Amino acid sequence: REYAGAGRTVALVLHDLNLAARFCDRLVLLDEGRLVAD
């Protein structure tokens, strides 16, 4: 979060839904190779 706050961009593959919800601006949800929600 601090790294992105310095004007950079971060994308992470995560399995922990709470860490994603707590710390990420956007969640990108894939299923079977297709974008389900963003």
ModelCIF file with pLDDT and N, C-alpha, C, O atoms, coordinates in Angstrom:
data_MODEL
#
_entry.id   MODEL 
#
_entity.id                         1 
_entity.type                       polymer 
_entity.pdbx_number_of_molecules   1 
#
_entity_poly.entity_id                      1 
_entity_poly.type                           'polypeptide(L)' 
_entity_poly.nstd_linkage                   no 
_entity_poly.nstd_monomer                   no 
_entity_poly.pdbx_seq_one_letter_code       REYAGAGRTVALVLHDLNLAARFCDRLVLLDEGRLVAD 
_entity_poly.pdbx_seq_one_letter_code_can   REYAGAGRTVALVLHDLNLAARFCDRLVLLDEGRLVAD 
_entity_poly.pdbx_strand_id                 A 
#
loop_
_entity_poly_seq.entity_id 
_entity_poly_seq.num 
_entity_poly_seq.mon_id 
_entity_poly_seq.hetero 
1 1  ARG n 
1 2  GLU n 
1 3  TYR n 
1 4  ALA n 
1 5  GLY n 
1 6  ALA n 
1 7  GLY n 
1 8  ARG n 
1 9  THR n 
1 10 VAL n 
1 11 ALA n 
1 12 LEU n 
1 13 VAL n 
1 14 LEU n 
1 15 HIS n 
1 16 ASP n 
1 17 LEU n 
1 18 ASN n 
1 19 LEU n 
1 20 ALA n 
1 21 ALA n 
1 22 ARG n 
1 23 PHE n 
1 24 CYS n 
1 25 ASP n 
1 26 ARG n 
1 27 LEU n 
1 28 VAL n 
1 29 LEU n 
1 30 LEU n 
1 31 ASP n 
1 32 GLU n 
1 33 GLY n 
1 34 ARG n 
1 35 LEU n 
1 36 VAL n 
1 37 ALA n 
1 38 ASP n 
#
_struct_asym.id          A 
_struct_asym.entity_id   1 
#
loop_
_ma_qa_metric.id 
_ma_qa_metric.mode 
_ma_qa_metric.name 
_ma_qa_metric.software_group_id 
_ma_qa_metric.type 
1 global pLDDT . pLDDT 
2 local  pLDDT . pLDDT 
#
_ma_qa_metric_global.metric_id      1 
_ma_qa_metric_global.metric_value   95.53 
_ma_qa_metric_global.model_id       1 
_ma_qa_metric_global.ordinal_id     1 
#
loop_
_ma_qa_metric_local.label_asym_id 
_ma_qa_metric_local.label_comp_id 
_ma_qa_metric_local.label_seq_id 
_ma_qa_metric_local.metric_id 
_ma_qa_metric_local.metric_value 
_ma_qa_metric_local.model_id 
_ma_qa_metric_local.ordinal_id 
A ARG 1  2 94.00 1 1  
A GLU 2  2 92.00 1 2  
A TYR 3  2 92.00 1 3  
A ALA 4  2 94.00 1 4  
A GLY 5  2 93.00 1 5  
A ALA 6  2 92.00 1 6  
A GLY 7  2 92.00 1 7  
A ARG 8  2 95.00 1 8  
A THR 9  2 97.00 1 9  
A VAL 10 2 97.00 1 10 
A ALA 11 2 98.00 1 11 
A LEU 12 2 98.00 1 12 
A VAL 13 2 98.00 1 13 
A LEU 14 2 97.00 1 14 
A HIS 15 2 95.00 1 15 
A ASP 16 2 95.00 1 16 
A LEU 17 2 95.00 1 17 
A ASN 18 2 93.00 1 18 
A LEU 19 2 95.00 1 19 
A ALA 20 2 96.00 1 20 
A ALA 21 2 94.00 1 21 
A ARG 22 2 93.00 1 22 
A PHE 23 2 95.00 1 23 
A CYS 24 2 96.00 1 24 
A ASP 25 2 94.00 1 25 
A ARG 26 2 95.00 1 26 
A LEU 27 2 97.00 1 27 
A VAL 28 2 98.00 1 28 
A LEU 29 2 98.00 1 29 
A LEU 30 2 98.00 1 30 
A ASP 31 2 97.00 1 31 
A GLU 32 2 96.00 1 32 
A GLY 33 2 96.00 1 33 
A ARG 34 2 97.00 1 34 
A LEU 35 2 97.00 1 35 
A VAL 36 2 97.00 1 36 
A ALA 37 2 97.00 1 37 
A ASP 38 2 97.00 1 38 
#
loop_
_atom_site.group_PDB 
_atom_site.id 
_atom_site.type_symbol 
_atom_site.label_atom_id 
_atom_site.label_alt_id 
_atom_site.label_comp_id 
_atom_site.label_asym_id 
_atom_site.label_entity_id 
_atom_site.label_seq_id 
_atom_site.pdbx_PDB_ins_code 
_atom_site.Cartn_x 
_atom_site.Cartn_y 
_atom_site.Cartn_z 
_atom_site.occupancy 
_atom_site.B_iso_or_equiv 
_atom_site.pdbx_formal_charge 
_atom_site.auth_seq_id 
_atom_site.auth_comp_id 
_atom_site.auth_asym_id 
_atom_site.auth_atom_id 
_atom_site.pdbx_PDB_model_num 
ATOM 1   N N  . ARG A 1 1  ? 0.840   -1.200  0.000   1.00 94.00 ? 1  ARG A N  1 
ATOM 2   C CA . ARG A 1 1  ? 0.000   0.000   0.000   1.00 94.00 ? 1  ARG A CA 1 
ATOM 3   C C  . ARG A 1 1  ? 0.877   1.252   0.000   1.00 94.00 ? 1  ARG A C  1 
ATOM 4   O O  . ARG A 1 1  ? 0.613   2.211   -0.726  1.00 94.00 ? 1  ARG A O  1 
ATOM 5   N N  . GLU A 1 2  ? 1.921   1.226   0.824   1.00 92.00 ? 2  GLU A N  1 
ATOM 6   C CA . GLU A 1 2  ? 2.849   2.360   0.869   1.00 92.00 ? 2  GLU A CA 1 
ATOM 7   C C  . GLU A 1 2  ? 3.579   2.505   -0.462  1.00 92.00 ? 2  GLU A C  1 
ATOM 8   O O  . GLU A 1 2  ? 3.790   3.621   -0.937  1.00 92.00 ? 2  GLU A O  1 
ATOM 9   N N  . TYR A 1 3  ? 3.961   1.387   -1.060  1.00 92.00 ? 3  TYR A N  1 
ATOM 10  C CA . TYR A 1 3  ? 4.665   1.411   -2.343  1.00 92.00 ? 3  TYR A CA 1 
ATOM 11  C C  . TYR A 1 3  ? 3.783   2.043   -3.419  1.00 92.00 ? 3  TYR A C  1 
ATOM 12  O O  . TYR A 1 3  ? 4.249   2.872   -4.201  1.00 92.00 ? 3  TYR A O  1 
ATOM 13  N N  . ALA A 1 4  ? 2.512   1.653   -3.456  1.00 94.00 ? 4  ALA A N  1 
ATOM 14  C CA . ALA A 1 4  ? 1.591   2.242   -4.430  1.00 94.00 ? 4  ALA A CA 1 
ATOM 15  C C  . ALA A 1 4  ? 1.327   3.707   -4.116  1.00 94.00 ? 4  ALA A C  1 
ATOM 16  O O  . ALA A 1 4  ? 1.137   4.516   -5.024  1.00 94.00 ? 4  ALA A O  1 
ATOM 17  N N  . GLY A 1 5  ? 1.315   4.049   -2.825  1.00 93.00 ? 5  GLY A N  1 
ATOM 18  C CA . GLY A 1 5  ? 1.075   5.427   -2.428  1.00 93.00 ? 5  GLY A CA 1 
ATOM 19  C C  . GLY A 1 5  ? 2.145   6.388   -2.899  1.00 93.00 ? 5  GLY A C  1 
ATOM 20  O O  . GLY A 1 5  ? 1.927   7.599   -2.944  1.00 93.00 ? 5  GLY A O  1 
ATOM 21  N N  . ALA A 1 6  ? 3.317   5.843   -3.253  1.00 92.00 ? 6  ALA A N  1 
ATOM 22  C CA . ALA A 1 6  ? 4.401   6.675   -3.780  1.00 92.00 ? 6  ALA A CA 1 
ATOM 23  C C  . ALA A 1 6  ? 4.280   6.858   -5.294  1.00 92.00 ? 6  ALA A C  1 
ATOM 24  O O  . ALA A 1 6  ? 5.236   7.277   -5.947  1.00 92.00 ? 6  ALA A O  1 
ATOM 25  N N  . GLY A 1 7  ? 3.107   6.545   -5.855  1.00 92.00 ? 7  GLY A N  1 
ATOM 26  C CA . GLY A 1 7  ? 2.877   6.762   -7.279  1.00 92.00 ? 7  GLY A CA 1 
ATOM 27  C C  . GLY A 1 7  ? 3.164   5.562   -8.142  1.00 92.00 ? 7  GLY A C  1 
ATOM 28  O O  . GLY A 1 7  ? 3.280   5.691   -9.361  1.00 92.00 ? 7  GLY A O  1 
ATOM 29  N N  . ARG A 1 8  ? 3.282   4.391   -7.538  1.00 95.00 ? 8  ARG A N  1 
ATOM 30  C CA . ARG A 1 8  ? 3.513   3.158   -8.304  1.00 95.00 ? 8  ARG A CA 1 
ATOM 31  C C  . ARG A 1 8  ? 2.226   2.346   -8.375  1.00 95.00 ? 8  ARG A C  1 
ATOM 32  O O  . ARG A 1 8  ? 1.201   2.742   -7.820  1.00 95.00 ? 8  ARG A O  1 
ATOM 33  N N  . THR A 1 9  ? 2.287   1.218   -9.056  1.00 97.00 ? 9  THR A N  1 
ATOM 34  C CA . THR A 1 9  ? 1.116   0.372   -9.263  1.00 97.00 ? 9  THR A CA 1 
ATOM 35  C C  . THR A 1 9  ? 1.455   -1.053  -8.829  1.00 97.00 ? 9  THR A C  1 
ATOM 36  O O  . THR A 1 9  ? 2.553   -1.546  -9.090  1.00 97.00 ? 9  THR A O  1 
ATOM 37  N N  . VAL A 1 10 ? 0.507   -1.708  -8.166  1.00 97.00 ? 10 VAL A N  1 
ATOM 38  C CA . VAL A 1 10 ? 0.728   -3.057  -7.647  1.00 97.00 ? 10 VAL A CA 1 
ATOM 39  C C  . VAL A 1 10 ? -0.453  -3.945  -8.032  1.00 97.00 ? 10 VAL A C  1 
ATOM 40  O O  . VAL A 1 10 ? -1.609  -3.539  -7.911  1.00 97.00 ? 10 VAL A O  1 
ATOM 41  N N  . ALA A 1 11 ? -0.158  -5.153  -8.493  1.00 98.00 ? 11 ALA A N  1 
ATOM 42  C CA . ALA A 1 11 ? -1.184  -6.177  -8.725  1.00 98.00 ? 11 ALA A CA 1 
ATOM 43  C C  . ALA A 1 11 ? -0.705  -7.477  -8.093  1.00 98.00 ? 11 ALA A C  1 
ATOM 44  O O  . ALA A 1 11 ? 0.428   -7.904  -8.311  1.00 98.00 ? 11 ALA A O  1 
ATOM 45  N N  . LEU A 1 12 ? -1.580  -8.101  -7.308  1.00 98.00 ? 12 LEU A N  1 
ATOM 46  C CA . LEU A 1 12 ? -1.230  -9.297  -6.549  1.00 98.00 ? 12 LEU A CA 1 
ATOM 47  C C  . LEU A 1 12 ? -2.236  -10.402 -6.834  1.00 98.00 ? 12 LEU A C  1 
ATOM 48  O O  . LEU A 1 12 ? -3.440  -10.153 -6.889  1.00 98.00 ? 12 LEU A O  1 
ATOM 49  N N  . VAL A 1 13 ? -1.747  -11.613 -7.014  1.00 98.00 ? 13 VAL A N  1 
ATOM 50  C CA . VAL A 1 13 ? -2.626  -12.779 -6.970  1.00 98.00 ? 13 VAL A CA 1 
ATOM 51  C C  . VAL A 1 13 ? -2.759  -13.179 -5.502  1.00 98.00 ? 13 VAL A C  1 
ATOM 52  O O  . VAL A 1 13 ? -1.760  -13.433 -4.829  1.00 98.00 ? 13 VAL A O  1 
ATOM 53  N N  . LEU A 1 14 ? -3.990  -13.234 -5.013  1.00 97.00 ? 14 LEU A N  1 
ATOM 54  C CA . LEU A 1 14 ? -4.245  -13.554 -3.614  1.00 97.00 ? 14 LEU A CA 1 
ATOM 55  C C  . LEU A 1 14 ? -5.330  -14.618 -3.506  1.00 97.00 ? 14 LEU A C  1 
ATOM 56  O O  . LEU A 1 14 ? -6.210  -14.721 -4.361  1.00 97.00 ? 14 LEU A O  1 
ATOM 57  N N  . HIS A 1 15 ? -5.246  -15.413 -2.425  1.00 95.00 ? 15 HIS A N  1 
ATOM 58  C CA . HIS A 1 15 ? -6.332  -16.322 -2.069  1.00 95.00 ? 15 HIS A CA 1 
ATOM 59  C C  . HIS A 1 15 ? -7.065  -15.852 -0.825  1.00 95.00 ? 15 HIS A C  1 
ATOM 60  O O  . HIS A 1 15 ? -8.205  -16.254 -0.592  1.00 95.00 ? 15 HIS A O  1 
ATOM 61  N N  . ASP A 1 16 ? -6.430  -15.005 -0.021  1.00 95.00 ? 16 ASP A N  1 
ATOM 62  C CA . ASP A 1 16 ? -7.040  -14.524 1.205   1.00 95.00 ? 16 ASP A CA 1 
ATOM 63  C C  . ASP A 1 16 ? -8.003  -13.376 0.875   1.00 95.00 ? 16 ASP A C  1 
ATOM 64  O O  . ASP A 1 16 ? -7.577  -12.272 0.536   1.00 95.00 ? 16 ASP A O  1 
ATOM 65  N N  . LEU A 1 17 ? -9.297  -13.655 0.980   1.00 95.00 ? 17 LEU A N  1 
ATOM 66  C CA . LEU A 1 17 ? -10.298 -12.660 0.593   1.00 95.00 ? 17 LEU A CA 1 
ATOM 67  C C  . LEU A 1 17 ? -10.276 -11.452 1.505   1.00 95.00 ? 17 LEU A C  1 
ATOM 68  O O  . LEU A 1 17 ? -10.530 -10.334 1.059   1.00 95.00 ? 17 LEU A O  1 
ATOM 69  N N  . ASN A 1 18 ? -9.973  -11.663 2.788   1.00 93.00 ? 18 ASN A N  1 
ATOM 70  C CA . ASN A 1 18 ? -9.965  -10.538 3.716   1.00 93.00 ? 18 ASN A CA 1 
ATOM 71  C C  . ASN A 1 18 ? -8.793  -9.599  3.483   1.00 93.00 ? 18 ASN A C  1 
ATOM 72  O O  . ASN A 1 18 ? -8.959  -8.381  3.553   1.00 93.00 ? 18 ASN A O  1 
ATOM 73  N N  . LEU A 1 19 ? -7.613  -10.141 3.207   1.00 95.00 ? 19 LEU A N  1 
ATOM 74  C CA . LEU A 1 19 ? -6.488  -9.275  2.886   1.00 95.00 ? 19 LEU A CA 1 
ATOM 75  C C  . LEU A 1 19 ? -6.787  -8.471  1.630   1.00 95.00 ? 19 LEU A C  1 
ATOM 76  O O  . LEU A 1 19 ? -6.449  -7.290  1.547   1.00 95.00 ? 19 LEU A O  1 
ATOM 77  N N  . ALA A 1 20 ? -7.417  -9.108  0.658   1.00 96.00 ? 20 ALA A N  1 
ATOM 78  C CA . ALA A 1 20 ? -7.777  -8.398  -0.571  1.00 96.00 ? 20 ALA A CA 1 
ATOM 79  C C  . ALA A 1 20 ? -8.774  -7.277  -0.271  1.00 96.00 ? 20 ALA A C  1 
ATOM 80  O O  . ALA A 1 20 ? -8.617  -6.156  -0.753  1.00 96.00 ? 20 ALA A O  1 
ATOM 81  N N  . ALA A 1 21 ? -9.800  -7.585  0.528   1.00 94.00 ? 21 ALA A N  1 
ATOM 82  C CA . ALA A 1 21 ? -10.821 -6.588  0.834   1.00 94.00 ? 21 ALA A CA 1 
ATOM 83  C C  . ALA A 1 21 ? -10.260 -5.437  1.659   1.00 94.00 ? 21 ALA A C  1 
ATOM 84  O O  . ALA A 1 21 ? -10.633 -4.281  1.461   1.00 94.00 ? 21 ALA A O  1 
ATOM 85  N N  . ARG A 1 22 ? -9.365  -5.761  2.580   1.00 93.00 ? 22 ARG A N  1 
ATOM 86  C CA . ARG A 1 22 ? -8.852  -4.760  3.520   1.00 93.00 ? 22 ARG A CA 1 
ATOM 87  C C  . ARG A 1 22 ? -7.843  -3.817  2.869   1.00 93.00 ? 22 ARG A C  1 
ATOM 88  O O  . ARG A 1 22 ? -7.848  -2.620  3.155   1.00 93.00 ? 22 ARG A O  1 
ATOM 89  N N  . PHE A 1 23 ? -6.977  -4.340  1.999   1.00 95.00 ? 23 PHE A N  1 
ATOM 90  C CA . PHE A 1 23 ? -5.828  -3.556  1.556   1.00 95.00 ? 23 PHE A CA 1 
ATOM 91  C C  . PHE A 1 23 ? -5.857  -3.155  0.079   1.00 95.00 ? 23 PHE A C  1 
ATOM 92  O O  . PHE A 1 23 ? -5.066  -2.308  -0.336  1.00 95.00 ? 23 PHE A O  1 
ATOM 93  N N  . CYS A 1 24 ? -6.738  -3.737  -0.713  1.00 96.00 ? 24 CYS A N  1 
ATOM 94  C CA . CYS A 1 24 ? -6.686  -3.494  -2.155  1.00 96.00 ? 24 CYS A CA 1 
ATOM 95  C C  . CYS A 1 24 ? -7.794  -2.547  -2.600  1.00 96.00 ? 24 CYS A C  1 
ATOM 96  O O  . CYS A 1 24 ? -8.923  -2.617  -2.115  1.00 96.00 ? 24 CYS A O  1 
ATOM 97  N N  . ASP A 1 25 ? -7.455  -1.667  -3.526  1.00 94.00 ? 25 ASP A N  1 
ATOM 98  C CA . ASP A 1 25 ? -8.424  -0.723  -4.077  1.00 94.00 ? 25 ASP A CA 1 
ATOM 99  C C  . ASP A 1 25 ? -9.429  -1.422  -4.970  1.00 94.00 ? 25 ASP A C  1 
ATOM 100 O O  . ASP A 1 25 ? -10.607 -1.066  -4.997  1.00 94.00 ? 25 ASP A O  1 
ATOM 101 N N  . ARG A 1 26 ? -8.953  -2.420  -5.700  1.00 95.00 ? 26 ARG A N  1 
ATOM 102 C CA . ARG A 1 26 ? -9.786  -3.140  -6.660  1.00 95.00 ? 26 ARG A CA 1 
ATOM 103 C C  . ARG A 1 26 ? -9.572  -4.622  -6.522  1.00 95.00 ? 26 ARG A C  1 
ATOM 104 O O  . ARG A 1 26 ? -8.472  -5.084  -6.220  1.00 95.00 ? 26 ARG A O  1 
ATOM 105 N N  . LEU A 1 27 ? -10.651 -5.373  -6.749  1.00 97.00 ? 27 LEU A N  1 
ATOM 106 C CA . LEU A 1 27 ? -10.593 -6.822  -6.789  1.00 97.00 ? 27 LEU A CA 1 
ATOM 107 C C  . LEU A 1 27 ? -11.020 -7.267  -8.179  1.00 97.00 ? 27 LEU A C  1 
ATOM 108 O O  . LEU A 1 27 ? -12.057 -6.840  -8.688  1.00 97.00 ? 27 LEU A O  1 
ATOM 109 N N  . VAL A 1 28 ? -10.218 -8.122  -8.786  1.00 98.00 ? 28 VAL A N  1 
ATOM 110 C CA . VAL A 1 28 ? -10.493 -8.643  -10.121 1.00 98.00 ? 28 VAL A CA 1 
ATOM 111 C C  . VAL A 1 28 ? -10.733 -10.140 -9.968  1.00 98.00 ? 28 VAL A C  1 
ATOM 112 O O  . VAL A 1 28 ? -9.828  -10.881 -9.584  1.00 98.00 ? 28 VAL A O  1 
ATOM 113 N N  . LEU A 1 29 ? -11.943 -10.581 -10.268 1.00 98.00 ? 29 LEU A N  1 
ATOM 114 C CA . LEU A 1 29 ? -12.337 -11.972 -10.027 1.00 98.00 ? 29 LEU A CA 1 
ATOM 115 C C  . LEU A 1 29 ? -12.390 -12.736 -11.340 1.00 98.00 ? 29 LEU A C  1 
ATOM 116 O O  . LEU A 1 29 ? -13.110 -12.361 -12.265 1.00 98.00 ? 29 LEU A O  1 
ATOM 117 N N  . LEU A 1 30 ? -11.611 -13.817 -11.407 1.00 98.00 ? 30 LEU A N  1 
ATOM 118 C CA . LEU A 1 30 ? -11.573 -14.684 -12.588 1.00 98.00 ? 30 LEU A CA 1 
ATOM 119 C C  . LEU A 1 30 ? -12.209 -16.032 -12.282 1.00 98.00 ? 30 LEU A C  1 
ATOM 120 O O  . LEU A 1 30 ? -12.162 -16.508 -11.148 1.00 98.00 ? 30 LEU A O  1 
ATOM 121 N N  . ASP A 1 31 ? -12.794 -16.633 -13.289 1.00 97.00 ? 31 ASP A N  1 
ATOM 122 C CA . ASP A 1 31 ? -13.275 -18.007 -13.201 1.00 97.00 ? 31 ASP A CA 1 
ATOM 123 C C  . ASP A 1 31 ? -13.179 -18.629 -14.577 1.00 97.00 ? 31 ASP A C  1 
ATOM 124 O O  . ASP A 1 31 ? -13.700 -18.092 -15.555 1.00 97.00 ? 31 ASP A O  1 
ATOM 125 N N  . GLU A 1 32 ? -12.511 -19.762 -14.642 1.00 96.00 ? 32 GLU A N  1 
ATOM 126 C CA . GLU A 1 32 ? -12.319 -20.477 -15.908 1.00 96.00 ? 32 GLU A CA 1 
ATOM 127 C C  . GLU A 1 32 ? -11.776 -19.556 -16.990 1.00 96.00 ? 32 GLU A C  1 
ATOM 128 O O  . GLU A 1 32 ? -12.180 -19.623 -18.151 1.00 96.00 ? 32 GLU A O  1 
ATOM 129 N N  . GLY A 1 33 ? -10.846 -18.690 -16.580 1.00 96.00 ? 33 GLY A N  1 
ATOM 130 C CA . GLY A 1 33 ? -10.158 -17.830 -17.527 1.00 96.00 ? 33 GLY A CA 1 
ATOM 131 C C  . GLY A 1 33 ? -10.901 -16.590 -17.958 1.00 96.00 ? 33 GLY A C  1 
ATOM 132 O O  . GLY A 1 33 ? -10.391 -15.819 -18.771 1.00 96.00 ? 33 GLY A O  1 
ATOM 133 N N  . ARG A 1 34 ? -12.082 -16.379 -17.439 1.00 97.00 ? 34 ARG A N  1 
ATOM 134 C CA . ARG A 1 34 ? -12.883 -15.219 -17.836 1.00 97.00 ? 34 ARG A CA 1 
ATOM 135 C C  . ARG A 1 34 ? -13.055 -14.257 -16.666 1.00 97.00 ? 34 ARG A C  1 
ATOM 136 O O  . ARG A 1 34 ? -13.071 -14.661 -15.503 1.00 97.00 ? 34 ARG A O  1 
ATOM 137 N N  . LEU A 1 35 ? -13.181 -12.993 -16.997 1.00 97.00 ? 35 LEU A N  1 
ATOM 138 C CA . LEU A 1 35 ? -13.396 -11.967 -15.990 1.00 97.00 ? 35 LEU A CA 1 
ATOM 139 C C  . LEU A 1 35 ? -14.856 -12.007 -15.554 1.00 97.00 ? 35 LEU A C  1 
ATOM 140 O O  . LEU A 1 35 ? -15.764 -11.813 -16.362 1.00 97.00 ? 35 LEU A O  1 
ATOM 141 N N  . VAL A 1 36 ? -15.072 -12.265 -14.254 1.00 97.00 ? 36 VAL A N  1 
ATOM 142 C CA . VAL A 1 36 ? -16.420 -12.354 -13.693 1.00 97.00 ? 36 VAL A CA 1 
ATOM 143 C C  . VAL A 1 36 ? -16.844 -11.027 -13.081 1.00 97.00 ? 36 VAL A C  1 
ATOM 144 O O  . VAL A 1 36 ? -17.978 -10.585 -13.266 1.00 97.00 ? 36 VAL A O  1 
ATOM 145 N N  . ALA A 1 37 ? -15.930 -10.392 -12.350 1.00 97.00 ? 37 ALA A N  1 
ATOM 146 C CA . ALA A 1 37 ? -16.253 -9.134  -11.685 1.00 97.00 ? 37 ALA A CA 1 
ATOM 147 C C  . ALA A 1 37 ? -14.984 -8.333  -11.493 1.00 97.00 ? 37 ALA A C  1 
ATOM 148 O O  . ALA A 1 37 ? -13.898 -8.897  -11.357 1.00 97.00 ? 37 ALA A O  1 
ATOM 149 N N  . ASP A 1 38 ? -15.121 -7.010  -11.481 1.00 97.00 ? 38 ASP A N  1 
ATOM 150 C CA . ASP A 1 38 ? -13.992 -6.102  -11.321 1.00 97.00 ? 38 ASP A CA 1 
ATOM 151 C C  . ASP A 1 38 ? -14.522 -4.855  -10.625 1.00 97.00 ? 38 ASP A C  1 
ATOM 152 O O  . ASP A 1 38 ? -13.762 -3.921  -10.369 1.00 97.00 ? 38 ASP A O  1 
#
